[in-house]
């Protein structure tokens, strides 16, 4: 049977739906006829409809999902070859400095 936590995470999204053989405390069963597609489409940012302790529907909260996305932008800049070389050189220099401080040989 599928279950969802009763309360969303601090972000406002519900954790992933779980397939379990028992009802854990703090979780709600999801009805057999409940369409979970909106849950996944909204990345857990949903408002569940609950009847008699069972989730019967998910309504996407796209405004909450959009707000979360705006607060967590995706970094799309790929590092350049120069960035990679500079990072490698800086790492190498830091290792040499540490060896010198510890009395090792270079």
Protein backbone atom coordinates (compact mmCIF):
# COMPACT_ATOMS: atom_id res chain seq x y z
CA UNK A 1 0.00 0.00 0.00
CA UNK A 2 1.16 3.56 -0.69
CA UNK A 3 1.64 6.13 2.09
CA UNK A 4 2.53 9.79 2.46
CA UNK A 5 3.64 11.69 5.52
CA UNK A 6 0.92 13.70 7.24
CA UNK A 7 2.98 16.90 7.17
CA UNK A 8 5.18 18.44 4.47
CA UNK A 9 8.87 19.19 4.90
CA UNK A 10 9.91 22.71 5.98
CA UNK A 11 10.23 23.51 2.25
CA UNK A 12 6.49 22.91 1.86
CA UNK A 13 6.92 19.77 -0.24
CA UNK A 14 5.84 16.35 0.91
CA UNK A 15 8.50 13.64 1.04
CA UNK A 16 8.32 10.87 -1.54
CA UNK A 17 5.42 8.46 -1.53
CA UNK A 18 6.39 5.15 0.06
CA UNK A 19 5.18 1.60 -0.62
CA UNK A 20 4.90 -0.06 2.79
CA UNK A 21 3.29 -3.16 4.25
CA UNK A 22 2.23 -1.37 7.45
CA UNK A 23 0.89 2.04 8.54
CA UNK A 24 3.69 3.99 10.23
CA UNK A 25 2.84 6.68 12.79
CA UNK A 26 2.54 10.10 11.16
CA UNK A 27 1.72 8.71 7.72
CA UNK A 28 -1.51 8.54 5.74
CA UNK A 29 -2.57 5.79 3.37
CA UNK A 30 -3.21 6.76 -0.24
CA UNK A 31 -6.44 5.39 -1.69
CA UNK A 32 -6.20 2.81 -4.44
CA UNK A 33 -8.02 5.08 -6.93
CA UNK A 34 -6.00 8.18 -6.06
CA UNK A 35 -4.04 9.55 -9.02
CA UNK A 36 -0.49 10.27 -7.82
CA UNK A 37 0.57 11.95 -11.07
CA UNK A 38 -0.09 15.47 -9.71
CA UNK A 39 2.15 14.68 -6.73
CA UNK A 40 5.07 13.84 -8.99
CA UNK A 41 4.35 16.62 -11.50
CA UNK A 42 4.47 19.20 -8.68
CA UNK A 43 7.54 17.57 -7.08
CA UNK A 44 5.66 17.01 -3.82
CA UNK A 45 4.32 20.56 -3.61
CA UNK A 46 0.69 19.51 -3.27
CA UNK A 47 -2.37 19.86 -1.09
CA UNK A 48 -3.73 16.39 -0.34
CA UNK A 49 -7.46 15.82 -0.06
CA UNK A 50 -8.11 13.56 2.93
CA UNK A 51 -11.36 11.68 3.59
CA UNK A 52 -11.71 9.35 6.57
CA UNK A 53 -7.93 9.35 7.11
CA UNK A 54 -7.15 8.35 3.51
CA UNK A 55 -5.65 10.57 0.80
CA UNK A 56 -8.12 10.64 -2.08
CA UNK A 57 -6.55 13.31 -4.32
CA UNK A 58 -3.57 15.60 -4.78
CA UNK A 59 -3.95 19.21 -5.90
CA UNK A 60 -0.69 20.69 -7.21
CA UNK A 61 0.55 23.86 -5.48
CA UNK A 62 2.46 25.25 -8.44
CA UNK A 63 2.95 28.64 -6.74
CA UNK A 64 4.85 26.94 -3.89
CA UNK A 65 6.87 24.90 -6.39
CA UNK A 66 7.73 28.04 -8.38
CA UNK A 67 8.73 29.89 -5.18
CA UNK A 68 11.00 27.02 -4.15
CA UNK A 69 12.59 26.96 -7.61
CA UNK A 70 13.18 30.73 -7.48
CA UNK A 71 14.89 30.35 -4.10
CA UNK A 72 17.07 27.47 -5.39
CA UNK A 73 18.23 28.42 -8.89
CA UNK A 74 19.92 25.79 -10.98
CA UNK A 75 23.53 26.58 -11.78
CA UNK A 76 23.90 26.16 -15.52
CA UNK A 77 27.43 27.53 -16.03
CA UNK A 78 29.79 24.72 -16.87
CA UNK A 79 33.37 25.18 -15.68
CA UNK A 80 35.78 26.12 -18.42
CA UNK A 81 39.09 24.40 -19.06
CA UNK A 82 40.79 27.40 -17.47
CA UNK A 83 38.63 26.99 -14.33
CA UNK A 84 39.61 23.31 -14.09
CA UNK A 85 43.32 24.09 -14.53
CA UNK A 86 43.23 26.90 -11.97
CA UNK A 87 41.48 24.66 -9.44
CA UNK A 88 44.09 21.93 -9.99
CA UNK A 89 47.00 24.36 -9.64
CA UNK A 90 45.55 25.90 -6.48
CA UNK A 91 44.99 22.45 -4.96
CA UNK A 92 48.57 21.45 -5.83
CA UNK A 93 49.99 24.65 -4.30
CA UNK A 94 47.95 24.13 -1.13
CA UNK A 95 49.27 20.58 -0.79
CA UNK A 96 52.86 21.78 -1.23
CA UNK A 97 52.37 24.49 1.37
CA UNK A 98 50.97 21.94 3.82
CA UNK A 99 53.95 19.65 3.24
CA UNK A 100 56.36 22.53 3.87
CA UNK A 101 54.54 23.49 7.08
CA UNK A 102 54.68 19.91 8.31
CA UNK A 103 58.40 19.68 7.59
CA UNK A 104 58.05 17.34 4.63
CA UNK A 105 60.10 17.49 1.52
CA UNK A 106 58.87 18.92 -1.74
